[in-house]
Amino acid sequence: MRVDQIMMADDPGGDDSDVGLAVETRPKTKRPPLYKVMILNDDYTPMEFVVMVLERFFGMNHAQSFELMLTVHKKGLAVVGVFSYEIAETKVAQVMDFAQQHQHPLQCTMEKE
């Protein structure tokens, strides 16, 4: 028996009425917005502390951390990562808490990309 014969045998009515499937279209989901996490320069936080923060909270190696610390020092601020809102918010809080525990005025902020 061929496939078309099987299909016709399965159709008890034998008529060719149009029976279709209802296809529900889903709305396209948007990617959540990303946020830039930035470290700001100040005249009091030691450069070594900034390097340590970048290594500890942003997973950078020493060379990357040192380069970015110099960018912060020379330009006044640098983007240290781009994350979803929740992760960016957590990173900012971690850096600010860590700086406060060590009595440094280091500032870390976030803004929508």
N, C-alpha and C. Protein backbone atom coordinates (compact mmCIF):
# COMPACT_ATOMS: atom_id res chain seq x y z
N MET A 1 0.84 -1.17 0.00
CA MET A 1 0.00 0.00 0.00
C MET A 1 0.89 1.24 0.00
N ARG A 2 0.59 2.23 -0.83
CA ARG A 2 1.36 3.46 -0.91
C ARG A 2 0.87 4.45 0.15
N VAL A 3 1.67 5.47 0.38
CA VAL A 3 1.35 6.48 1.40
C VAL A 3 0.03 7.16 1.10
N ASP A 4 -0.23 7.52 -0.17
CA ASP A 4 -1.48 8.21 -0.50
C ASP A 4 -2.68 7.30 -0.31
N GLN A 5 -2.51 6.00 -0.51
CA GLN A 5 -3.60 5.07 -0.28
C GLN A 5 -3.88 4.93 1.21
N ILE A 6 -2.81 4.94 2.01
CA ILE A 6 -2.97 4.84 3.46
C ILE A 6 -3.71 6.08 3.97
N MET A 7 -3.32 7.23 3.47
CA MET A 7 -3.95 8.47 3.92
C MET A 7 -5.42 8.49 3.56
N MET A 8 -5.75 8.02 2.36
CA MET A 8 -7.16 7.99 1.96
C MET A 8 -7.93 6.96 2.78
N ALA A 9 -7.26 5.86 3.12
CA ALA A 9 -7.92 4.83 3.92
C ALA A 9 -8.19 5.34 5.33
N ASP A 10 -7.31 6.23 5.82
CA ASP A 10 -7.50 6.79 7.15
C ASP A 10 -8.60 7.84 7.19
N ASP A 11 -8.98 8.37 6.04
CA ASP A 11 -9.99 9.42 5.97
C ASP A 11 -11.36 8.75 5.89
N PRO A 12 -12.09 8.66 7.01
CA PRO A 12 -13.34 7.91 7.00
C PRO A 12 -14.41 8.51 6.09
N GLY A 13 -14.43 9.82 5.95
CA GLY A 13 -15.46 10.44 5.13
C GLY A 13 -15.15 10.34 3.65
N GLY A 14 -13.90 10.28 3.32
CA GLY A 14 -13.50 10.17 1.94
C GLY A 14 -13.68 11.44 1.15
N ASP A 15 -14.23 12.49 1.76
CA ASP A 15 -14.37 13.73 0.98
C ASP A 15 -13.12 14.58 1.14
N ASP A 16 -12.97 15.52 0.25
CA ASP A 16 -11.78 16.35 0.25
C ASP A 16 -12.06 17.70 0.90
N SER A 17 -12.79 17.72 2.02
CA SER A 17 -13.08 18.99 2.69
C SER A 17 -11.78 19.58 3.23
N ASP A 18 -11.70 20.88 3.23
CA ASP A 18 -10.49 21.57 3.69
C ASP A 18 -10.47 21.59 5.22
N VAL A 19 -9.58 20.81 5.76
CA VAL A 19 -9.39 20.79 7.20
C VAL A 19 -7.97 21.27 7.42
N GLY A 20 -7.84 22.36 8.16
CA GLY A 20 -6.50 22.92 8.38
C GLY A 20 -6.21 23.03 9.86
N LEU A 21 -4.97 23.28 10.14
CA LEU A 21 -4.56 23.49 11.51
C LEU A 21 -4.58 24.98 11.82
N ALA A 22 -5.03 25.32 12.99
CA ALA A 22 -4.97 26.72 13.41
C ALA A 22 -3.54 26.98 13.85
N VAL A 23 -2.91 27.93 13.22
CA VAL A 23 -1.53 28.26 13.55
C VAL A 23 -1.53 29.57 14.30
N GLU A 24 -1.03 29.50 15.52
CA GLU A 24 -0.98 30.70 16.35
C GLU A 24 0.38 31.35 16.16
N THR A 25 0.39 32.61 15.79
CA THR A 25 1.66 33.31 15.62
C THR A 25 2.03 33.96 16.93
N ARG A 26 3.26 33.75 17.32
CA ARG A 26 3.75 34.35 18.56
C ARG A 26 4.39 35.69 18.25
N PRO A 27 4.20 36.65 19.12
CA PRO A 27 4.89 37.93 18.90
C PRO A 27 6.40 37.73 19.06
N LYS A 28 7.15 38.46 18.27
CA LYS A 28 8.61 38.34 18.38
C LYS A 28 9.05 38.92 19.71
N THR A 29 9.92 38.17 20.38
CA THR A 29 10.43 38.67 21.65
C THR A 29 11.67 39.50 21.39
N LYS A 30 11.74 40.61 22.11
CA LYS A 30 12.91 41.48 21.96
C LYS A 30 13.97 41.06 22.95
N ARG A 31 15.21 41.23 22.56
CA ARG A 31 16.30 40.98 23.50
C ARG A 31 16.26 42.07 24.56
N PRO A 32 16.56 41.70 25.80
CA PRO A 32 16.56 42.73 26.84
C PRO A 32 17.68 43.74 26.58
N PRO A 33 17.46 44.98 27.00
CA PRO A 33 18.51 45.99 26.77
C PRO A 33 19.75 45.67 27.59
N LEU A 34 20.89 46.10 27.08
CA LEU A 34 22.16 45.89 27.77
C LEU A 34 22.60 47.18 28.44
N TYR A 35 23.41 47.03 29.47
CA TYR A 35 23.87 48.18 30.24
C TYR A 35 25.39 48.18 30.34
N LYS A 36 25.96 49.38 30.15
CA LYS A 36 27.40 49.55 30.28
C LYS A 36 27.73 49.80 31.75
N VAL A 37 28.73 49.10 32.24
CA VAL A 37 29.23 49.35 33.60
C VAL A 37 30.52 50.15 33.44
N MET A 38 30.59 51.27 34.16
CA MET A 38 31.74 52.17 34.02
C MET A 38 32.37 52.44 35.38
N ILE A 39 33.67 52.60 35.34
CA ILE A 39 34.42 53.01 36.53
C ILE A 39 34.89 54.44 36.29
N LEU A 40 34.72 55.28 37.32
CA LEU A 40 35.07 56.69 37.21
C LEU A 40 36.38 56.97 37.95
N ASN A 41 37.13 57.90 37.41
CA ASN A 41 38.40 58.29 38.03
C ASN A 41 38.17 59.18 39.24
N ASP A 42 39.02 59.07 40.20
CA ASP A 42 39.06 60.02 41.32
C ASP A 42 40.52 60.22 41.69
N ASP A 43 40.79 61.20 42.52
CA ASP A 43 42.18 61.53 42.87
C ASP A 43 42.71 60.77 44.09
N TYR A 44 41.91 59.86 44.65
CA TYR A 44 42.29 59.24 45.91
C TYR A 44 42.45 57.73 45.87
N THR A 45 41.67 57.05 45.05
CA THR A 45 41.75 55.59 45.00
C THR A 45 43.05 55.16 44.35
N PRO A 46 43.82 54.31 45.02
CA PRO A 46 45.10 53.87 44.43
C PRO A 46 44.88 53.07 43.13
N MET A 47 45.80 53.25 42.20
CA MET A 47 45.70 52.55 40.92
C MET A 47 45.69 51.04 41.12
N GLU A 48 46.46 50.56 42.08
CA GLU A 48 46.54 49.12 42.34
C GLU A 48 45.19 48.57 42.79
N PHE A 49 44.42 49.39 43.52
CA PHE A 49 43.10 48.96 43.97
C PHE A 49 42.16 48.82 42.77
N VAL A 50 42.23 49.75 41.84
CA VAL A 50 41.39 49.69 40.64
C VAL A 50 41.73 48.44 39.84
N VAL A 51 43.01 48.14 39.71
CA VAL A 51 43.45 46.93 39.00
C VAL A 51 42.88 45.69 39.69
N MET A 52 42.94 45.66 41.01
CA MET A 52 42.41 44.53 41.77
C MET A 52 40.90 44.37 41.55
N VAL A 53 40.18 45.48 41.54
CA VAL A 53 38.72 45.45 41.32
C VAL A 53 38.41 44.87 39.94
N LEU A 54 39.15 45.32 38.93
CA LEU A 54 38.91 44.84 37.56
C LEU A 54 39.20 43.34 37.43
N GLU A 55 40.23 42.89 38.10
CA GLU A 55 40.56 41.46 38.07
C GLU A 55 39.50 40.64 38.82
N ARG A 56 39.13 41.13 39.98
CA ARG A 56 38.23 40.38 40.87
C ARG A 56 36.79 40.33 40.38
N PHE A 57 36.26 41.46 39.93
CA PHE A 57 34.83 41.52 39.61
C PHE A 57 34.52 41.45 38.11
N PHE A 58 35.53 41.63 37.29
CA PHE A 58 35.27 41.62 35.84
C PHE A 58 36.08 40.56 35.10
N GLY A 59 36.79 39.71 35.85
CA GLY A 59 37.48 38.57 35.26
C GLY A 59 38.61 38.90 34.30
N MET A 60 39.21 40.06 34.46
CA MET A 60 40.30 40.45 33.57
C MET A 60 41.63 39.94 34.11
N ASN A 61 42.57 39.72 33.21
CA ASN A 61 43.91 39.37 33.68
C ASN A 61 44.63 40.66 34.08
N HIS A 62 45.82 40.55 34.60
CA HIS A 62 46.52 41.71 35.13
C HIS A 62 46.81 42.75 34.03
N ALA A 63 47.24 42.29 32.87
CA ALA A 63 47.57 43.23 31.78
C ALA A 63 46.32 43.99 31.31
N GLN A 64 45.20 43.28 31.16
CA GLN A 64 43.96 43.94 30.75
C GLN A 64 43.51 44.95 31.81
N SER A 65 43.59 44.55 33.06
CA SER A 65 43.19 45.42 34.16
C SER A 65 44.05 46.68 34.22
N PHE A 66 45.34 46.50 34.02
CA PHE A 66 46.26 47.64 34.07
C PHE A 66 45.96 48.62 32.94
N GLU A 67 45.72 48.09 31.73
CA GLU A 67 45.39 48.95 30.58
C GLU A 67 44.12 49.75 30.84
N LEU A 68 43.10 49.07 31.33
CA LEU A 68 41.82 49.75 31.57
C LEU A 68 41.93 50.76 32.71
N MET A 69 42.72 50.44 33.72
CA MET A 69 42.94 51.39 34.82
C MET A 69 43.59 52.66 34.28
N LEU A 70 44.55 52.51 33.36
CA LEU A 70 45.19 53.69 32.75
C LEU A 70 44.19 54.50 31.94
N THR A 71 43.28 53.83 31.26
CA THR A 71 42.23 54.53 30.50
C THR A 71 41.36 55.33 31.45
N VAL A 72 40.97 54.73 32.57
CA VAL A 72 40.17 55.44 33.58
C VAL A 72 40.94 56.65 34.07
N HIS A 73 42.22 56.46 34.35
CA HIS A 73 43.07 57.53 34.88
C HIS A 73 43.21 58.68 33.89
N LYS A 74 43.42 58.37 32.62
CA LYS A 74 43.66 59.40 31.61
C LYS A 74 42.39 60.06 31.09
N LYS A 75 41.33 59.26 30.91
CA LYS A 75 40.10 59.79 30.28
C LYS A 75 39.00 60.14 31.28
N GLY A 76 39.17 59.72 32.53
CA GLY A 76 38.16 60.06 33.53
C GLY A 76 37.16 58.94 33.80
N LEU A 77 36.97 58.06 32.83
CA LEU A 77 36.10 56.90 33.02
C LEU A 77 36.37 55.90 31.92
N ALA A 78 35.92 54.67 32.14
CA ALA A 78 36.04 53.63 31.12
C ALA A 78 34.92 52.63 31.31
N VAL A 79 34.44 52.11 30.19
CA VAL A 79 33.45 51.03 30.23
C VAL A 79 34.22 49.75 30.53
N VAL A 80 33.82 49.07 31.59
CA VAL A 80 34.52 47.86 31.99
C VAL A 80 33.76 46.59 31.62
N GLY A 81 32.54 46.75 31.12
CA GLY A 81 31.76 45.59 30.67
C GLY A 81 30.37 46.00 30.27
N VAL A 82 29.71 45.13 29.51
CA VAL A 82 28.33 45.35 29.07
C VAL A 82 27.54 44.10 29.45
N PHE A 83 26.44 44.31 30.20
CA PHE A 83 25.72 43.19 30.79
C PHE A 83 24.21 43.44 30.75
N SER A 84 23.45 42.40 31.07
CA SER A 84 22.01 42.59 31.28
C SER A 84 21.83 43.46 32.52
N TYR A 85 20.63 43.98 32.70
CA TYR A 85 20.38 44.90 33.81
C TYR A 85 20.75 44.31 35.16
N GLU A 86 20.30 43.08 35.41
CA GLU A 86 20.52 42.47 36.73
C GLU A 86 22.00 42.25 37.01
N ILE A 87 22.73 41.80 36.01
CA ILE A 87 24.16 41.55 36.20
C ILE A 87 24.90 42.88 36.38
N ALA A 88 24.57 43.87 35.56
CA ALA A 88 25.21 45.18 35.68
C ALA A 88 24.96 45.77 37.07
N GLU A 89 23.73 45.68 37.51
CA GLU A 89 23.37 46.21 38.83
C GLU A 89 24.16 45.50 39.94
N THR A 90 24.30 44.19 39.81
CA THR A 90 25.06 43.42 40.80
C THR A 90 26.53 43.81 40.81
N LYS A 91 27.11 43.96 39.61
CA LYS A 91 28.54 44.33 39.51
C LYS A 91 28.77 45.70 40.14
N VAL A 92 27.90 46.66 39.84
CA VAL A 92 28.04 48.01 40.42
C VAL A 92 27.98 47.93 41.95
N ALA A 93 27.01 47.19 42.47
CA ALA A 93 26.87 47.06 43.92
C ALA A 93 28.10 46.39 44.54
N GLN A 94 28.62 45.35 43.89
CA GLN A 94 29.81 44.66 44.41
C GLN A 94 31.01 45.60 44.47
N VAL A 95 31.23 46.35 43.40
CA VAL A 95 32.38 47.26 43.35
C VAL A 95 32.23 48.36 44.39
N MET A 96 31.04 48.93 44.48
CA MET A 96 30.81 50.02 45.44
C MET A 96 30.98 49.53 46.89
N ASP A 97 30.46 48.35 47.19
CA ASP A 97 30.60 47.78 48.53
C ASP A 97 32.07 47.51 48.85
N PHE A 98 32.77 46.92 47.89
CA PHE A 98 34.18 46.58 48.08
C PHE A 98 35.01 47.85 48.31
N ALA A 99 34.74 48.90 47.51
CA ALA A 99 35.47 50.17 47.67
C ALA A 99 35.18 50.79 49.04
N GLN A 100 33.92 50.72 49.44
CA GLN A 100 33.55 51.29 50.74
C GLN A 100 34.21 50.52 51.89
N GLN A 101 34.25 49.19 51.79
CA GLN A 101 34.89 48.38 52.82
C GLN A 101 36.37 48.74 52.97
N HIS A 102 37.00 49.12 51.85
CA HIS A 102 38.42 49.48 51.88
C HIS A 102 38.64 50.98 51.99
N GLN A 103 37.55 51.70 52.25
CA GLN A 103 37.57 53.15 52.45
C GLN A 103 38.17 53.92 51.28
N HIS A 104 37.75 53.52 50.07
CA HIS A 104 38.15 54.25 48.86
C HIS A 104 36.90 54.87 48.24
N PRO A 105 37.04 56.06 47.67
CA PRO A 105 35.88 56.73 47.07
C PRO A 105 35.58 56.30 45.63
N LEU A 106 36.10 55.17 45.20
CA LEU A 106 35.90 54.70 43.83
C LEU A 106 34.42 54.64 43.48
N GLN A 107 34.09 55.15 42.31
CA GLN A 107 32.69 55.17 41.86
C GLN A 107 32.54 54.24 40.66
N CYS A 108 31.45 53.48 40.67
CA CYS A 108 31.11 52.58 39.58
C CYS A 108 29.65 52.85 39.24
N THR A 109 29.34 53.04 37.97
CA THR A 109 27.98 53.35 37.56
C THR A 109 27.60 52.48 36.37
N MET A 110 26.32 52.57 36.00
CA MET A 110 25.84 51.86 34.82
C MET A 110 24.88 52.75 34.06
N GLU A 111 24.83 52.54 32.76
CA GLU A 111 23.85 53.25 31.93
C GLU A 111 23.46 52.37 30.77
N LYS A 112 22.27 52.63 30.26
CA LYS A 112 21.74 51.84 29.15
C LYS A 112 22.64 52.03 27.93
N GLU A 113 22.91 50.93 27.24
CA GLU A 113 23.80 51.00 26.07
C GLU A 113 23.09 51.70 24.92
